[in-house]
N, C-alpha and C. Protein backbone atom coordinates (compact mmCIF):
# COMPACT_ATOMS: atom_id res chain seq x y z
N MET A 1 0.84 -1.18 0.00
CA MET A 1 0.00 0.00 0.00
C MET A 1 0.89 1.24 0.00
N SER A 2 0.59 2.19 -0.86
CA SER A 2 1.42 3.38 -0.97
C SER A 2 1.22 4.30 0.24
N THR A 3 2.17 5.18 0.44
CA THR A 3 2.10 6.14 1.55
C THR A 3 0.90 7.06 1.40
N ALA A 4 0.61 7.49 0.20
CA ALA A 4 -0.53 8.38 -0.04
C ALA A 4 -1.85 7.68 0.31
N ARG A 5 -1.96 6.41 -0.08
CA ARG A 5 -3.18 5.65 0.20
C ARG A 5 -3.35 5.45 1.71
N ILE A 6 -2.28 5.16 2.43
CA ILE A 6 -2.33 5.00 3.89
C ILE A 6 -2.76 6.32 4.53
N PHE A 7 -2.23 7.43 4.04
CA PHE A 7 -2.58 8.74 4.57
C PHE A 7 -4.08 9.04 4.37
N VAL A 8 -4.60 8.72 3.19
CA VAL A 8 -6.02 8.96 2.90
C VAL A 8 -6.91 8.12 3.82
N VAL A 9 -6.57 6.84 3.99
CA VAL A 9 -7.36 5.96 4.86
C VAL A 9 -7.32 6.47 6.30
N ALA A 10 -6.15 6.87 6.77
CA ALA A 10 -6.01 7.39 8.13
C ALA A 10 -6.83 8.67 8.30
N ALA A 11 -6.80 9.55 7.31
CA ALA A 11 -7.56 10.80 7.38
C ALA A 11 -9.06 10.54 7.43
N VAL A 12 -9.54 9.59 6.64
CA VAL A 12 -10.96 9.25 6.65
C VAL A 12 -11.37 8.70 8.01
N LEU A 13 -10.56 7.83 8.59
CA LEU A 13 -10.87 7.26 9.90
C LEU A 13 -10.88 8.33 10.99
N VAL A 14 -9.95 9.24 10.96
CA VAL A 14 -9.89 10.32 11.95
C VAL A 14 -11.11 11.23 11.82
N CYS A 15 -11.50 11.58 10.61
CA CYS A 15 -12.67 12.43 10.38
C CYS A 15 -13.94 11.74 10.84
N ALA A 16 -14.07 10.46 10.56
CA ALA A 16 -15.26 9.71 10.98
C ALA A 16 -15.36 9.65 12.49
N GLN A 17 -14.22 9.43 13.16
CA GLN A 17 -14.21 9.38 14.62
C GLN A 17 -14.56 10.74 15.19
N ALA A 18 -14.02 11.81 14.63
CA ALA A 18 -14.31 13.15 15.12
C ALA A 18 -15.78 13.50 14.93
N ALA A 19 -16.37 13.07 13.85
CA ALA A 19 -17.78 13.36 13.59
C ALA A 19 -18.68 12.66 14.59
N THR A 20 -18.37 11.43 14.96
CA THR A 20 -19.22 10.72 15.93
C THR A 20 -18.97 11.19 17.34
N ALA A 21 -17.77 11.64 17.67
CA ALA A 21 -17.46 12.08 19.02
C ALA A 21 -18.05 13.45 19.33
N ALA A 22 -18.43 14.22 18.34
CA ALA A 22 -18.89 15.58 18.55
C ALA A 22 -20.39 15.69 18.78
N GLN A 23 -21.10 14.58 18.86
CA GLN A 23 -22.55 14.64 19.04
C GLN A 23 -22.90 15.14 20.43
N CYS A 24 -23.89 16.02 20.48
CA CYS A 24 -24.40 16.53 21.75
C CYS A 24 -25.54 15.63 22.21
N VAL A 25 -25.37 15.01 23.36
CA VAL A 25 -26.37 14.08 23.88
C VAL A 25 -26.71 14.44 25.32
N ASN A 26 -28.01 14.41 25.63
CA ASN A 26 -28.49 14.60 27.00
C ASN A 26 -29.57 13.55 27.23
N ARG A 27 -29.22 12.48 27.94
CA ARG A 27 -30.14 11.35 28.16
C ARG A 27 -30.21 11.02 29.64
N PHE A 28 -31.29 10.33 30.04
CA PHE A 28 -31.41 9.88 31.41
C PHE A 28 -32.06 8.51 31.48
N ILE A 29 -31.77 7.82 32.58
CA ILE A 29 -32.51 6.63 32.97
C ILE A 29 -32.76 6.79 34.47
N SER A 30 -33.85 6.19 34.96
CA SER A 30 -34.14 6.31 36.39
C SER A 30 -34.62 4.99 36.95
N ARG A 31 -34.47 4.88 38.26
CA ARG A 31 -34.97 3.70 38.96
C ARG A 31 -35.46 4.16 40.33
N ALA A 32 -36.45 3.47 40.82
CA ALA A 32 -37.00 3.79 42.14
C ALA A 32 -36.20 3.06 43.21
N GLU A 33 -35.91 3.76 44.28
CA GLU A 33 -35.31 3.17 45.48
C GLU A 33 -36.15 3.67 46.65
N GLY A 34 -37.18 2.90 46.98
CA GLY A 34 -38.10 3.32 48.02
C GLY A 34 -38.84 4.57 47.57
N PRO A 35 -38.86 5.60 48.41
CA PRO A 35 -39.58 6.82 48.06
C PRO A 35 -38.74 7.81 47.24
N ARG A 36 -37.72 7.32 46.57
CA ARG A 36 -36.80 8.20 45.82
C ARG A 36 -36.63 7.72 44.39
N GLN A 37 -36.30 8.66 43.52
CA GLN A 37 -35.91 8.34 42.15
C GLN A 37 -34.41 8.59 42.03
N VAL A 38 -33.69 7.56 41.65
CA VAL A 38 -32.25 7.67 41.40
C VAL A 38 -32.10 7.79 39.89
N VAL A 39 -31.59 8.94 39.45
CA VAL A 39 -31.54 9.25 38.03
C VAL A 39 -30.08 9.33 37.57
N THR A 40 -29.78 8.58 36.53
CA THR A 40 -28.46 8.64 35.90
C THR A 40 -28.56 9.56 34.70
N LEU A 41 -27.72 10.59 34.70
CA LEU A 41 -27.73 11.60 33.64
C LEU A 41 -26.48 11.47 32.79
N LEU A 42 -26.65 11.48 31.50
CA LEU A 42 -25.54 11.55 30.54
C LEU A 42 -25.70 12.89 29.84
N THR A 43 -24.71 13.76 30.01
CA THR A 43 -24.83 15.09 29.41
C THR A 43 -23.51 15.58 28.83
N GLY A 44 -23.63 16.33 27.76
CA GLY A 44 -22.48 16.99 27.16
C GLY A 44 -22.40 18.45 27.58
N LYS A 45 -23.30 18.89 28.46
CA LYS A 45 -23.32 20.29 28.91
C LYS A 45 -22.28 20.57 29.98
N LEU A 46 -21.76 19.52 30.62
CA LEU A 46 -20.69 19.65 31.61
C LEU A 46 -19.56 18.71 31.25
N THR A 47 -18.34 19.12 31.50
CA THR A 47 -17.21 18.19 31.38
C THR A 47 -17.11 17.41 32.69
N PHE A 48 -16.30 16.38 32.69
CA PHE A 48 -16.08 15.58 33.90
C PHE A 48 -15.55 16.48 35.02
N GLN A 49 -14.60 17.34 34.70
CA GLN A 49 -14.00 18.21 35.70
C GLN A 49 -15.02 19.23 36.23
N GLU A 50 -15.85 19.78 35.35
CA GLU A 50 -16.89 20.72 35.79
C GLU A 50 -17.91 20.02 36.70
N ALA A 51 -18.26 18.80 36.37
CA ALA A 51 -19.21 18.04 37.20
C ALA A 51 -18.61 17.73 38.57
N GLN A 52 -17.33 17.38 38.61
CA GLN A 52 -16.68 17.14 39.89
C GLN A 52 -16.66 18.41 40.74
N ALA A 53 -16.36 19.55 40.11
CA ALA A 53 -16.34 20.82 40.84
C ALA A 53 -17.75 21.17 41.34
N LEU A 54 -18.77 20.92 40.52
CA LEU A 54 -20.14 21.18 40.92
C LEU A 54 -20.54 20.30 42.10
N SER A 55 -20.18 19.03 42.05
CA SER A 55 -20.48 18.11 43.14
C SER A 55 -19.85 18.58 44.46
N LYS A 56 -18.60 18.99 44.40
CA LYS A 56 -17.91 19.49 45.60
C LYS A 56 -18.56 20.77 46.11
N ALA A 57 -18.95 21.65 45.19
CA ALA A 57 -19.60 22.90 45.59
C ALA A 57 -20.96 22.64 46.24
N ILE A 58 -21.69 21.67 45.73
CA ILE A 58 -22.99 21.33 46.33
C ILE A 58 -22.77 20.73 47.72
N GLN A 59 -21.78 19.87 47.86
CA GLN A 59 -21.48 19.26 49.16
C GLN A 59 -21.09 20.31 50.19
N SER A 60 -20.31 21.31 49.77
CA SER A 60 -19.86 22.35 50.70
C SER A 60 -20.88 23.49 50.82
N ARG A 61 -22.00 23.33 50.13
CA ARG A 61 -23.11 24.29 50.18
C ARG A 61 -22.76 25.68 49.61
N THR A 62 -21.80 25.70 48.69
CA THR A 62 -21.49 26.95 47.99
C THR A 62 -22.23 27.04 46.67
N ALA A 63 -22.89 25.95 46.28
CA ALA A 63 -23.74 25.92 45.08
C ALA A 63 -25.05 25.24 45.47
N PRO A 64 -26.15 25.66 44.86
CA PRO A 64 -27.43 25.01 45.18
C PRO A 64 -27.49 23.60 44.60
N PRO A 65 -28.32 22.74 45.18
CA PRO A 65 -28.47 21.39 44.62
C PRO A 65 -29.12 21.43 43.24
N LEU A 66 -28.97 20.34 42.48
CA LEU A 66 -29.64 20.24 41.20
C LEU A 66 -31.15 20.23 41.44
N GLU A 67 -31.91 20.72 40.46
CA GLU A 67 -33.35 20.77 40.60
C GLU A 67 -34.01 20.13 39.38
N TRP A 68 -35.02 19.35 39.60
CA TRP A 68 -35.88 18.82 38.55
C TRP A 68 -36.96 19.87 38.39
N VAL A 69 -37.06 20.46 37.19
CA VAL A 69 -37.99 21.56 36.97
C VAL A 69 -39.01 21.20 35.88
N ASN A 70 -40.13 21.94 35.90
CA ASN A 70 -41.15 21.72 34.87
C ASN A 70 -40.82 22.57 33.64
N ASP A 71 -41.70 22.56 32.64
CA ASP A 71 -41.46 23.29 31.40
C ASP A 71 -41.34 24.79 31.61
N ALA A 72 -41.98 25.31 32.65
CA ALA A 72 -41.92 26.74 32.95
C ALA A 72 -40.70 27.10 33.79
N GLY A 73 -39.92 26.10 34.20
CA GLY A 73 -38.73 26.35 35.00
C GLY A 73 -38.99 26.34 36.50
N LYS A 74 -40.21 25.99 36.90
CA LYS A 74 -40.55 25.93 38.32
C LYS A 74 -40.03 24.62 38.92
N THR A 75 -39.45 24.71 40.11
CA THR A 75 -38.87 23.55 40.77
C THR A 75 -39.94 22.54 41.18
N LEU A 76 -39.73 21.30 40.76
CA LEU A 76 -40.58 20.19 41.20
C LEU A 76 -39.95 19.51 42.40
N TYR A 77 -38.65 19.16 42.28
CA TYR A 77 -37.92 18.49 43.34
C TYR A 77 -36.47 18.94 43.33
N LYS A 78 -35.87 19.01 44.54
CA LYS A 78 -34.46 19.34 44.66
C LYS A 78 -33.69 18.07 44.99
N GLN A 79 -32.48 18.03 44.52
CA GLN A 79 -31.58 16.91 44.76
C GLN A 79 -31.41 16.68 46.26
N ILE A 80 -31.36 15.40 46.63
CA ILE A 80 -30.99 15.06 48.00
C ILE A 80 -29.76 14.16 47.92
N GLY A 81 -28.94 14.21 48.93
CA GLY A 81 -27.74 13.38 48.94
C GLY A 81 -26.67 13.91 47.99
N GLU A 82 -25.71 13.07 47.76
CA GLU A 82 -24.53 13.41 46.96
C GLU A 82 -24.81 13.34 45.46
N LEU A 83 -24.22 14.26 44.72
CA LEU A 83 -24.19 14.17 43.26
C LEU A 83 -22.97 13.32 42.93
N LYS A 84 -23.20 12.12 42.39
CA LYS A 84 -22.11 11.20 42.10
C LYS A 84 -21.67 11.38 40.65
N VAL A 85 -20.41 11.73 40.48
CA VAL A 85 -19.84 11.91 39.15
C VAL A 85 -19.09 10.63 38.81
N LEU A 86 -19.56 9.93 37.76
CA LEU A 86 -19.03 8.60 37.48
C LEU A 86 -17.86 8.57 36.51
N ARG A 87 -18.04 9.16 35.31
CA ARG A 87 -16.97 9.07 34.32
C ARG A 87 -17.21 10.04 33.17
N PRO A 88 -16.13 10.40 32.47
CA PRO A 88 -16.29 11.23 31.27
C PRO A 88 -16.85 10.41 30.12
N MET A 89 -17.51 11.08 29.20
CA MET A 89 -18.09 10.41 28.02
C MET A 89 -17.88 11.30 26.79
N PRO A 90 -17.78 10.70 25.61
CA PRO A 90 -17.57 11.48 24.37
C PRO A 90 -18.87 12.04 23.80
N VAL A 91 -19.55 12.89 24.57
CA VAL A 91 -20.80 13.52 24.13
C VAL A 91 -20.73 15.01 24.44
N ALA A 92 -20.07 15.76 23.61
CA ALA A 92 -19.80 17.16 23.87
C ALA A 92 -20.89 18.08 23.33
N CYS A 93 -21.19 19.13 24.09
CA CYS A 93 -22.13 20.17 23.67
C CYS A 93 -21.47 21.54 23.87
N ASP A 94 -21.90 22.50 23.10
CA ASP A 94 -21.47 23.89 23.29
C ASP A 94 -19.96 24.07 23.30
N GLY A 95 -19.26 23.34 22.44
CA GLY A 95 -17.82 23.50 22.33
C GLY A 95 -17.01 22.83 23.43
N LYS A 96 -17.64 22.05 24.27
CA LYS A 96 -16.92 21.35 25.35
C LYS A 96 -16.20 20.14 24.74
N PRO A 97 -15.06 19.74 25.31
CA PRO A 97 -14.32 18.61 24.74
C PRO A 97 -14.96 17.25 24.99
N SER A 98 -15.76 17.13 26.06
CA SER A 98 -16.42 15.85 26.37
C SER A 98 -17.54 16.10 27.35
N GLY A 99 -18.27 15.03 27.65
CA GLY A 99 -19.38 15.12 28.59
C GLY A 99 -19.13 14.26 29.82
N VAL A 100 -20.21 13.93 30.54
CA VAL A 100 -20.06 13.23 31.81
C VAL A 100 -21.31 12.39 32.11
N VAL A 101 -21.10 11.34 32.89
CA VAL A 101 -22.20 10.55 33.44
C VAL A 101 -22.21 10.82 34.94
N MET A 102 -23.39 11.17 35.47
CA MET A 102 -23.51 11.43 36.90
C MET A 102 -24.85 10.91 37.41
N VAL A 103 -24.94 10.69 38.71
CA VAL A 103 -26.13 10.14 39.33
C VAL A 103 -26.63 11.11 40.39
N VAL A 104 -27.94 11.40 40.32
CA VAL A 104 -28.57 12.32 41.27
C VAL A 104 -29.83 11.65 41.82
N THR A 105 -30.17 11.96 43.07
CA THR A 105 -31.35 11.39 43.71
C THR A 105 -32.36 12.49 44.01
N PHE A 106 -33.63 12.23 43.67
CA PHE A 106 -34.72 13.17 43.95
C PHE A 106 -35.72 12.50 44.90
N PRO A 107 -36.29 13.27 45.85
CA PRO A 107 -37.20 12.70 46.84
C PRO A 107 -38.64 12.57 46.33
N THR A 108 -38.86 11.65 45.42
CA THR A 108 -40.20 11.44 44.89
C THR A 108 -40.35 10.01 44.38
N GLN A 109 -41.57 9.53 44.39
CA GLN A 109 -41.85 8.22 43.81
C GLN A 109 -42.27 8.37 42.35
N ILE A 110 -42.48 9.59 41.92
CA ILE A 110 -42.90 9.84 40.54
C ILE A 110 -41.71 9.59 39.61
N LYS A 111 -41.94 8.74 38.63
CA LYS A 111 -40.88 8.39 37.69
C LYS A 111 -40.93 9.34 36.49
N PRO A 112 -39.80 9.95 36.15
CA PRO A 112 -39.79 10.80 34.96
C PRO A 112 -39.97 9.94 33.71
N THR A 113 -40.72 10.46 32.74
CA THR A 113 -40.93 9.73 31.50
C THR A 113 -40.68 10.63 30.30
N LYS A 114 -40.10 10.06 29.29
CA LYS A 114 -39.80 10.69 28.00
C LYS A 114 -38.85 11.86 28.11
N LYS A 115 -39.22 12.92 28.80
CA LYS A 115 -38.36 14.10 28.92
C LYS A 115 -38.26 14.52 30.38
N MET A 116 -37.11 15.10 30.72
CA MET A 116 -36.86 15.57 32.08
C MET A 116 -36.00 16.81 31.99
N ARG A 117 -36.39 17.86 32.67
CA ARG A 117 -35.60 19.09 32.67
C ARG A 117 -34.91 19.23 34.02
N VAL A 118 -33.58 19.44 33.98
CA VAL A 118 -32.79 19.54 35.20
C VAL A 118 -32.04 20.87 35.19
N LYS A 119 -32.17 21.60 36.28
CA LYS A 119 -31.47 22.87 36.44
C LYS A 119 -30.12 22.58 37.09
N LEU A 120 -29.05 22.80 36.32
CA LEU A 120 -27.71 22.54 36.81
C LEU A 120 -27.16 23.69 37.63
N ASP A 121 -27.51 24.91 37.22
CA ASP A 121 -27.14 26.11 37.97
C ASP A 121 -28.14 27.21 37.63
N ALA A 122 -27.92 28.40 38.14
CA ALA A 122 -28.89 29.48 37.97
C ALA A 122 -29.17 29.82 36.50
N ASN A 123 -28.21 29.55 35.62
CA ASN A 123 -28.34 29.91 34.21
C ASN A 123 -28.49 28.73 33.26
N THR A 124 -28.48 27.51 33.76
CA THR A 124 -28.45 26.35 32.88
C THR A 124 -29.54 25.33 33.23
N ILE A 125 -30.52 25.21 32.34
CA ILE A 125 -31.52 24.15 32.43
C ILE A 125 -31.33 23.26 31.21
N VAL A 126 -31.15 21.97 31.47
CA VAL A 126 -30.90 21.01 30.39
C VAL A 126 -32.10 20.09 30.26
N GLU A 127 -32.54 19.90 29.02
CA GLU A 127 -33.63 18.96 28.76
C GLU A 127 -33.03 17.62 28.37
N PHE A 128 -33.35 16.60 29.15
CA PHE A 128 -32.86 15.25 28.93
C PHE A 128 -33.96 14.41 28.32
N GLU A 129 -33.58 13.51 27.42
CA GLU A 129 -34.52 12.54 26.85
C GLU A 129 -34.29 11.20 27.50
N GLN A 130 -35.36 10.46 27.72
CA GLN A 130 -35.24 9.15 28.34
C GLN A 130 -34.53 8.18 27.40
N GLN A 131 -33.55 7.47 27.94
CA GLN A 131 -32.82 6.48 27.17
C GLN A 131 -33.72 5.27 26.95
N ALA A 132 -33.80 4.79 25.73
CA ALA A 132 -34.62 3.60 25.44
C ALA A 132 -33.99 2.39 26.11
N ASP A 133 -34.83 1.49 26.59
CA ASP A 133 -34.33 0.28 27.28
C ASP A 133 -33.70 -0.70 26.36
């Protein structure tokens, strides 16, 4: 195989990988644990490092807890317990290099369906779509 042909194949593979890694994804799954909903969020709106910093700020009470909000932005439920930041993921939004998977608990037996809006901070409400089983 010639050097030019190897270069072209490598360039095509790199471009294909970059195109799939740049998708903006915001998904959730939830499960009931007694009177609580434990929700796993996959989002490209925060990087792993930003999510870790947010978790620490919530624990030290320098940032408000995450909120599950309705379409009008009114709070339905506030996060209880720790915001668990699990791992980075290749789902970037808004020019971020990557996204994150995190777990949050809400004090309700009501299970979110299809769509869920979560307020990450005073200026950021993210609409999540339910992950298909």
